[in-house]
């Protein structure tokens, strides 16, 4: 179990998306993707505002954080244009924020609820694991590139997905890690590679991610209706 005040929450964003330009500040259902997450975090029952940071480089994003009175971590240009290698560059707050652990939240998932965010945070708080990763279950047939089945059929090899064991797909919206392992190029778990984090199972619908133009349009319709 961890101390609550040892965990900070970071929302990281940039405007350099090539597939959906400026998606973080483009009009979306009368607001923006960034502000949707800010408004959710204000309703959190688990995360105090002083532990929330918005990591941003572009002035438009910094101004949104100021408007919503969110702590700003002033991200460098190198970090904003990094593709994630090294991790210490894209997550350059790892040795600058005074916390032992971090929960990282993506703002590209407009259907993600504050209840799920709080549950993820609290599960990490209560766990002994260094890292945690949000996933959703998939009951489906899978093969490797040689055509060998990697699906666990149990003792009933019937062509019906209800009889197969689920695998878990990354939700790409909620992550947690110990801060000090990021400098060594690890995320979530520095003891094992590949890492074996604590899994947080969530709804696939809430994990709807906006990474392409069609997803921006569909996501807006889903958000308005749900």
C-alpha atoms as a PDB file:
ATOM      1  CA  UNK A   1       0.000   0.000   0.000  1.00  0.00           C
ATOM      2  CA  UNK A   2       1.178   3.542  -0.804  1.00  0.00           C
ATOM      3  CA  UNK A   3       0.728   6.931   0.846  1.00  0.00           C
ATOM      4  CA  UNK A   4      -1.899   9.027  -0.976  1.00  0.00           C
ATOM      5  CA  UNK A   5       0.283  12.138  -0.912  1.00  0.00           C
ATOM      6  CA  UNK A   6       3.116  10.235  -2.603  1.00  0.00           C
ATOM      7  CA  UNK A   7       1.066   9.930  -5.823  1.00  0.00           C
ATOM      8  CA  UNK A   8       0.644  12.749  -8.334  1.00  0.00           C
ATOM      9  CA  UNK A   9      -1.576  12.753 -11.402  1.00  0.00           C
ATOM     10  CA  UNK A  10      -0.201  13.961 -14.737  1.00  0.00           C
ATOM     11  CA  UNK A  11      -2.172  14.791 -17.864  1.00  0.00           C
ATOM     12  CA  UNK A  12       0.200  15.217 -20.794  1.00  0.00           C
ATOM     13  CA  UNK A  13      -0.738  16.743 -24.140  1.00  0.00           C
ATOM     14  CA  UNK A  14       0.718  18.323 -27.252  1.00  0.00           C
ATOM     15  CA  UNK A  15      -0.576  19.865 -30.473  1.00  0.00           C
ATOM     16  CA  UNK A  16       1.772  18.017 -32.815  1.00  0.00           C
ATOM     17  CA  UNK A  17      -0.543  15.157 -33.809  1.00  0.00           C
ATOM     18  CA  UNK A  18      -0.127  14.508 -37.543  1.00  0.00           C
ATOM     19  CA  UNK A  19      -3.243  12.349 -37.951  1.00  0.00           C
ATOM     20  CA  UNK A  20      -5.619  14.698 -36.091  1.00  0.00           C
ATOM     21  CA  UNK A  21      -4.006  18.162 -36.051  1.00  0.00           C
ATOM     22  CA  UNK A  22      -4.654  20.237 -32.915  1.00  0.00           C
ATOM     23  CA  UNK A  23      -7.073  17.610 -31.598  1.00  0.00           C
ATOM     24  CA  UNK A  24      -6.545  18.676 -27.998  1.00  0.00           C
ATOM     25  CA  UNK A  25      -7.926  22.199 -28.603  1.00  0.00           C
ATOM     26  CA  UNK A  26     -10.269  21.666 -31.561  1.00  0.00           C
ATOM     27  CA  UNK A  27     -13.979  22.239 -30.841  1.00  0.00           C
ATOM     28  CA  UNK A  28     -15.441  18.985 -29.557  1.00  0.00           C
ATOM     29  CA  UNK A  29     -19.085  18.822 -28.435  1.00  0.00           C
ATOM     30  CA  UNK A  30     -19.050  22.480 -27.447  1.00  0.00           C
ATOM     31  CA  UNK A  31     -15.761  22.218 -25.570  1.00  0.00           C
ATOM     32  CA  UNK A  32     -12.386  20.494 -26.136  1.00  0.00           C
ATOM     33  CA  UNK A  33     -10.925  17.102 -25.269  1.00  0.00           C
ATOM     34  CA  UNK A  34      -8.529  18.739 -22.820  1.00  0.00           C
ATOM     35  CA  UNK A  35     -11.261  20.624 -20.977  1.00  0.00           C
ATOM     36  CA  UNK A  36     -13.501  17.563 -20.781  1.00  0.00           C
ATOM     37  CA  UNK A  37     -10.832  15.815 -18.715  1.00  0.00           C
ATOM     38  CA  UNK A  38     -10.152  18.911 -16.609  1.00  0.00           C
ATOM     39  CA  UNK A  39     -13.842  19.144 -15.687  1.00  0.00           C
ATOM     40  CA  UNK A  40     -13.913  15.462 -14.745  1.00  0.00           C
ATOM     41  CA  UNK A  41     -10.873  15.785 -12.506  1.00  0.00           C
ATOM     42  CA  UNK A  42     -12.545  18.641 -10.628  1.00  0.00           C
ATOM     43  CA  UNK A  43     -15.226  16.133  -9.559  1.00  0.00           C
ATOM     44  CA  UNK A  44     -12.747  13.546  -8.279  1.00  0.00           C
ATOM     45  CA  UNK A  45     -13.408  12.099  -4.836  1.00  0.00           C
ATOM     46  CA  UNK A  46      -9.911  10.597  -4.595  1.00  0.00           C
ATOM     47  CA  UNK A  47      -7.501  13.102  -6.138  1.00  0.00           C
ATOM     48  CA  UNK A  48      -6.916  16.510  -4.587  1.00  0.00           C
ATOM     49  CA  UNK A  49      -6.335  19.428  -7.032  1.00  0.00           C
ATOM     50  CA  UNK A  50      -2.854  20.153  -5.663  1.00  0.00           C
ATOM     51  CA  UNK A  51      -1.655  16.729  -6.892  1.00  0.00           C
ATOM     52  CA  UNK A  52      -2.845  17.251 -10.495  1.00  0.00           C
ATOM     53  CA  UNK A  53      -0.418  18.555 -13.143  1.00  0.00           C
ATOM     54  CA  UNK A  54      -0.883  19.349 -16.820  1.00  0.00           C
ATOM     55  CA  UNK A  55       2.318  18.773 -18.790  1.00  0.00           C
ATOM     56  CA  UNK A  56       2.259  21.066 -21.841  1.00  0.00           C
ATOM     57  CA  UNK A  57       4.572  23.059 -24.107  1.00  0.00           C
ATOM     58  CA  UNK A  58       2.327  25.034 -26.475  1.00  0.00           C
ATOM     59  CA  UNK A  59       0.892  28.299 -25.118  1.00  0.00           C
ATOM     60  CA  UNK A  60      -2.658  27.369 -26.143  1.00  0.00           C
ATOM     61  CA  UNK A  61      -2.541  24.343 -23.859  1.00  0.00           C
ATOM     62  CA  UNK A  62      -0.875  26.250 -21.032  1.00  0.00           C
ATOM     63  CA  UNK A  63      -3.647  28.857 -21.221  1.00  0.00           C
ATOM     64  CA  UNK A  64      -6.307  26.148 -20.879  1.00  0.00           C
ATOM     65  CA  UNK A  65      -4.629  24.913 -17.708  1.00  0.00           C
ATOM     66  CA  UNK A  66      -4.566  28.440 -16.309  1.00  0.00           C
ATOM     67  CA  UNK A  67      -8.235  28.935 -17.201  1.00  0.00           C
ATOM     68  CA  UNK A  68      -9.149  25.814 -15.207  1.00  0.00           C
ATOM     69  CA  UNK A  69      -6.631  26.498 -12.409  1.00  0.00           C
ATOM     70  CA  UNK A  70      -4.735  23.280 -13.050  1.00  0.00           C
ATOM     71  CA  UNK A  71      -1.062  23.089 -12.019  1.00  0.00           C
ATOM     72  CA  UNK A  72       1.162  23.391 -15.086  1.00  0.00           C
ATOM     73  CA  UNK A  73       4.376  21.528 -15.719  1.00  0.00           C
ATOM     74  CA  UNK A  74       6.132  23.506 -18.449  1.00  0.00           C
ATOM     75  CA  UNK A  75       7.189  20.881 -20.925  1.00  0.00           C
ATOM     76  CA  UNK A  76      10.174  21.489 -23.227  1.00  0.00           C
ATOM     77  CA  UNK A  77       9.941  21.594 -27.012  1.00  0.00           C
ATOM     78  CA  UNK A  78      12.138  18.468 -27.171  1.00  0.00           C
ATOM     79  CA  UNK A  79       9.691  16.589 -24.968  1.00  0.00           C
ATOM     80  CA  UNK A  80       6.661  17.771 -26.944  1.00  0.00           C
ATOM     81  CA  UNK A  81       8.154  16.509 -30.208  1.00  0.00           C
ATOM     82  CA  UNK A  82       9.656  13.314 -28.775  1.00  0.00           C
ATOM     83  CA  UNK A  83       8.401   9.937 -29.963  1.00  0.00           C
ATOM     84  CA  UNK A  84       9.058   8.372 -26.569  1.00  0.00           C
ATOM     85  CA  UNK A  85      12.701   7.355 -26.783  1.00  0.00           C
ATOM     86  CA  UNK A  86      14.166   7.968 -24.308  1.00  0.00           C
ATOM     87  CA  UNK A  87      11.326   7.799 -21.802  1.00  0.00           C
ATOM     88  CA  UNK A  88      13.101  10.335 -19.608  1.00  0.00           C
ATOM     89  CA  UNK A  89      12.665  12.931 -22.376  1.00  0.00           C
ATOM     90  CA  UNK A  90       8.983  12.497 -23.106  1.00  0.00           C
ATOM     91  CA  UNK A  91       8.270  12.130 -19.368  1.00  0.00           C
ATOM     92  CA  UNK A  92      10.756  14.774 -18.295  1.00  0.00           C
ATOM     93  CA  UNK A  93       8.773  15.531 -15.123  1.00  0.00           C
ATOM     94  CA  UNK A  94       9.973  12.218 -13.669  1.00  0.00           C
ATOM     95  CA  UNK A  95      12.701  13.847 -11.560  1.00  0.00           C
ATOM     96  CA  UNK A  96      11.170  17.310 -11.220  1.00  0.00           C
ATOM     97  CA  UNK A  97       7.843  16.717  -9.485  1.00  0.00           C
ATOM     98  CA  UNK A  98       8.197  15.931  -5.756  1.00  0.00           C
ATOM     99  CA  UNK A  99       6.343  12.616  -5.743  1.00  0.00           C
ATOM    100  CA  UNK A 100       7.327   8.965  -5.585  1.00  0.00           C
ATOM    101  CA  UNK A 101       4.573   7.670  -7.914  1.00  0.00           C
ATOM    102  CA  UNK A 102       2.612   8.966 -10.881  1.00  0.00           C
ATOM    103  CA  UNK A 103      -0.762   8.199 -12.427  1.00  0.00           C
ATOM    104  CA  UNK A 104      -0.730   9.288 -16.065  1.00  0.00           C
ATOM    105  CA  UNK A 105      -4.088  10.012 -17.734  1.00  0.00           C
ATOM    106  CA  UNK A 106      -4.714  10.456 -21.450  1.00  0.00           C
ATOM    107  CA  UNK A 107      -7.058  13.251 -22.516  1.00  0.00           C
ATOM    108  CA  UNK A 108      -7.824  11.479 -25.817  1.00  0.00           C
ATOM    109  CA  UNK A 109     -10.543   9.274 -24.292  1.00  0.00           C
ATOM    110  CA  UNK A 110     -13.670  11.439 -23.908  1.00  0.00           C
ATOM    111  CA  UNK A 111     -15.848   8.561 -22.628  1.00  0.00           C
ATOM    112  CA  UNK A 112     -13.511   7.819 -19.712  1.00  0.00           C
ATOM    113  CA  UNK A 113     -15.436   8.569 -16.506  1.00  0.00           C
ATOM    114  CA  UNK A 114     -14.182  10.126 -13.300  1.00  0.00           C
ATOM    115  CA  UNK A 115     -15.466   7.062 -11.443  1.00  0.00           C
ATOM    116  CA  UNK A 116     -13.083   4.874 -13.452  1.00  0.00           C
ATOM    117  CA  UNK A 117     -10.223   7.317 -12.951  1.00  0.00           C
ATOM    118  CA  UNK A 118     -10.821   7.328  -9.185  1.00  0.00           C
ATOM    119  CA  UNK A 119     -11.054   3.520  -9.102  1.00  0.00           C
ATOM    120  CA  UNK A 120      -7.763   3.211 -11.003  1.00  0.00           C
ATOM    121  CA  UNK A 121      -6.082   5.668  -8.652  1.00  0.00           C
ATOM    122  CA  UNK A 122      -7.402   3.919  -5.533  1.00  0.00           C
ATOM    123  CA  UNK A 123      -6.492   0.431  -6.761  1.00  0.00           C
ATOM    124  CA  UNK A 124      -2.923   1.635  -7.360  1.00  0.00           C
ATOM    125  CA  UNK A 125      -2.879   3.327  -3.969  1.00  0.00           C
ATOM    126  CA  UNK A 126      -3.856   0.095  -2.236  1.00  0.00           C
ATOM    127  CA  UNK A 127      -1.550  -2.190  -4.241  1.00  0.00           C
ATOM    128  CA  UNK A 128       2.033  -3.197  -3.539  1.00  0.00           C
ATOM    129  CA  UNK A 129       2.962  -3.192  -7.241  1.00  0.00           C
ATOM    130  CA  UNK A 130       5.264  -0.541  -8.685  1.00  0.00           C
ATOM    131  CA  UNK A 131       3.206  -0.202 -11.860  1.00  0.00           C
ATOM    132  CA  UNK A 132      -0.376  -0.467 -13.049  1.00  0.00           C
ATOM    133  CA  UNK A 133      -1.941  -0.559 -16.512  1.00  0.00           C
ATOM    134  CA  UNK A 134      -5.557  -0.185 -17.598  1.00  0.00           C
ATOM    135  CA  UNK A 135      -6.844  -2.959 -19.881  1.00  0.00           C
ATOM    136  CA  UNK A 136     -10.116  -4.336 -21.172  1.00  0.00           C
ATOM    137  CA  UNK A 137     -10.975  -8.011 -21.742  1.00  0.00           C
ATOM    138  CA  UNK A 138     -11.250  -9.535 -25.225  1.00  0.00           C
ATOM    139  CA  UNK A 139     -12.788 -12.964 -25.768  1.00  0.00           C
ATOM    140  CA  UNK A 140     -11.619 -13.673 -29.282  1.00  0.00           C
ATOM    141  CA  UNK A 141      -9.563 -16.098 -31.401  1.00  0.00           C
ATOM    142  CA  UNK A 142      -5.887 -15.219 -31.846  1.00  0.00           C
ATOM    143  CA  UNK A 143      -3.001 -16.784 -33.774  1.00  0.00           C
ATOM    144  CA  UNK A 144       0.696 -15.993 -34.010  1.00  0.00           C
ATOM    145  CA  UNK A 145       2.400 -15.289 -37.341  1.00  0.00           C
ATOM    146  CA  UNK A 146       3.072 -19.014 -37.863  1.00  0.00           C
ATOM    147  CA  UNK A 147      -0.656 -19.719 -37.642  1.00  0.00           C
ATOM    148  CA  UNK A 148      -0.459 -21.409 -34.232  1.00  0.00           C
ATOM    149  CA  UNK A 149      -3.378 -20.704 -31.937  1.00  0.00           C
ATOM    150  CA  UNK A 150      -2.519 -18.606 -28.898  1.00  0.00           C
ATOM    151  CA  UNK A 151      -6.105 -18.650 -27.627  1.00  0.00           C
ATOM    152  CA  UNK A 152      -6.696 -20.549 -24.391  1.00  0.00           C
ATOM    153  CA  UNK A 153      -9.616 -22.830 -25.229  1.00  0.00           C
ATOM    154  CA  UNK A 154      -9.566 -24.649 -21.904  1.00  0.00           C
ATOM    155  CA  UNK A 155     -11.063 -28.126 -22.331  1.00  0.00           C
ATOM    156  CA  UNK A 156     -13.760 -27.020 -24.831  1.00  0.00           C
ATOM    157  CA  UNK A 157     -12.300 -26.299 -28.281  1.00  0.00           C
ATOM    158  CA  UNK A 158     -15.656 -25.100 -29.644  1.00  0.00           C
ATOM    159  CA  UNK A 159     -15.934 -22.273 -32.188  1.00  0.00           C
ATOM    160  CA  UNK A 160     -17.785 -20.004 -29.790  1.00  0.00           C
ATOM    161  CA  UNK A 161     -16.006 -17.126 -28.056  1.00  0.00           C
ATOM    162  CA  UNK A 162     -17.996 -17.596 -24.847  1.00  0.00           C
ATOM    163  CA  UNK A 163     -15.880 -20.693 -24.138  1.00  0.00           C
ATOM    164  CA  UNK A 164     -12.446 -19.073 -24.484  1.00  0.00           C
ATOM    165  CA  UNK A 165     -10.445 -17.417 -21.753  1.00  0.00           C
ATOM    166  CA  UNK A 166     -10.123 -13.642 -22.178  1.00  0.00           C
ATOM    167  CA  UNK A 167      -6.934 -11.859 -23.054  1.00  0.00           C
ATOM    168  CA  UNK A 168      -6.446  -8.242 -22.037  1.00  0.00           C
ATOM    169  CA  UNK A 169      -5.851  -5.380 -24.433  1.00  0.00           C
ATOM    170  CA  UNK A 170      -4.168  -2.125 -23.418  1.00  0.00           C
ATOM    171  CA  UNK A 171      -6.708   0.642 -22.886  1.00  0.00           C
ATOM    172  CA  UNK A 172      -4.092   3.381 -23.489  1.00  0.00           C
ATOM    173  CA  UNK A 173      -5.693   5.869 -21.137  1.00  0.00           C
ATOM    174  CA  UNK A 174      -4.572   5.107 -17.568  1.00  0.00           C
ATOM    175  CA  UNK A 175      -1.048   4.188 -16.485  1.00  0.00           C
ATOM    176  CA  UNK A 176       0.851   4.258 -13.195  1.00  0.00           C
ATOM    177  CA  UNK A 177       4.508   3.938 -12.308  1.00  0.00           C
ATOM    178  CA  UNK A 178       7.147   4.624  -9.724  1.00  0.00           C
ATOM    179  CA  UNK A 179       8.846   7.849 -10.795  1.00  0.00           C
ATOM    180  CA  UNK A 180      12.496   6.983 -10.300  1.00  0.00           C
ATOM    181  CA  UNK A 181      12.603   4.023 -12.699  1.00  0.00           C
ATOM    182  CA  UNK A 182      11.745   6.249 -15.683  1.00  0.00           C
ATOM    183  CA  UNK A 183      15.296   7.626 -15.767  1.00  0.00           C
ATOM    184  CA  UNK A 184      16.535   4.102 -16.494  1.00  0.00           C
ATOM    185  CA  UNK A 185      14.201   3.697 -19.467  1.00  0.00           C
ATOM    186  CA  UNK A 186      11.527   1.703 -17.652  1.00  0.00           C
ATOM    187  CA  UNK A 187       7.856   2.423 -17.350  1.00  0.00           C
ATOM    188  CA  UNK A 188       5.779   0.646 -14.684  1.00  0.00           C
ATOM    189  CA  UNK A 189       8.321  -1.954 -13.555  1.00  0.00           C
ATOM    190  CA  UNK A 190      12.100  -1.791 -13.531  1.00  0.00           C
ATOM    191  CA  UNK A 191      12.626  -5.285 -12.081  1.00  0.00           C
ATOM    192  CA  UNK A 192      11.212  -7.309 -14.951  1.00  0.00           C
ATOM    193  CA  UNK A 193      11.302  -6.983 -18.705  1.00  0.00           C
ATOM    194  CA  UNK A 194       8.823  -7.057 -20.237  1.00  0.00           C
ATOM    195  CA  UNK A 195       7.151  -5.470 -17.232  1.00  0.00           C
ATOM    196  CA  UNK A 196       4.460  -7.271 -15.263  1.00  0.00           C
ATOM    197  CA  UNK A 197       2.244  -4.501 -13.897  1.00  0.00           C
ATOM    198  CA  UNK A 198      -0.901  -4.741 -11.849  1.00  0.00           C
ATOM    199  CA  UNK A 199      -3.808  -4.888 -14.324  1.00  0.00           C
ATOM    200  CA  UNK A 200      -6.852  -2.663 -13.930  1.00  0.00           C
ATOM    201  CA  UNK A 201      -9.790  -4.034 -15.916  1.00  0.00           C
ATOM    202  CA  UNK A 202     -12.136  -1.416 -17.362  1.00  0.00           C
ATOM    203  CA  UNK A 203     -14.839  -0.983 -19.991  1.00  0.00           C
ATOM    204  CA  UNK A 204     -13.803  -1.104 -23.644  1.00  0.00           C
ATOM    205  CA  UNK A 205     -16.280   1.689 -24.424  1.00  0.00           C
ATOM    206  CA  UNK A 206     -14.612   4.055 -21.957  1.00  0.00           C
ATOM    207  CA  UNK A 207     -11.280   3.285 -23.597  1.00  0.00           C
ATOM    208  CA  UNK A 208     -12.486   4.680 -26.959  1.00  0.00           C
ATOM    209  CA  UNK A 209      -9.405   6.544 -28.177  1.00  0.00           C
ATOM    210  CA  UNK A 210      -9.204   9.420 -30.650  1.00  0.00           C
ATOM    211  CA  UNK A 211      -6.194   8.795 -32.840  1.00  0.00           C
ATOM    212  CA  UNK A 212      -7.685   9.304 -36.322  1.00  0.00           C
ATOM    213  CA  UNK A 213     -10.016  11.834 -37.924  1.00  0.00           C
ATOM    214  CA  UNK A 214     -12.926   9.375 -38.121  1.00  0.00           C
ATOM    215  CA  UNK A 215     -12.541   8.652 -34.410  1.00  0.00           C
ATOM    216  CA  UNK A 216     -12.749  12.372 -33.641  1.00  0.00           C
ATOM    217  CA  UNK A 217     -16.109  12.578 -35.429  1.00  0.00           C
ATOM    218  CA  UNK A 218     -17.481   9.326 -34.002  1.00  0.00           C
ATOM    219  CA  UNK A 219     -16.177  10.155 -30.530  1.00  0.00           C
ATOM    220  CA  UNK A 220     -17.984  13.493 -30.576  1.00  0.00           C
ATOM    221  CA  UNK A 221     -21.278  11.788 -31.442  1.00  0.00           C
ATOM    222  CA  UNK A 222     -20.784   9.143 -28.751  1.00  0.00           C
ATOM    223  CA  UNK A 223     -19.896  11.767 -26.155  1.00  0.00           C
ATOM    224  CA  UNK A 224     -22.963  13.873 -26.946  1.00  0.00           C
ATOM    225  CA  UNK A 225     -25.266  10.863 -26.776  1.00  0.00           C
ATOM    226  CA  UNK A 226     -23.773   9.126 -23.748  1.00  0.00           C
END
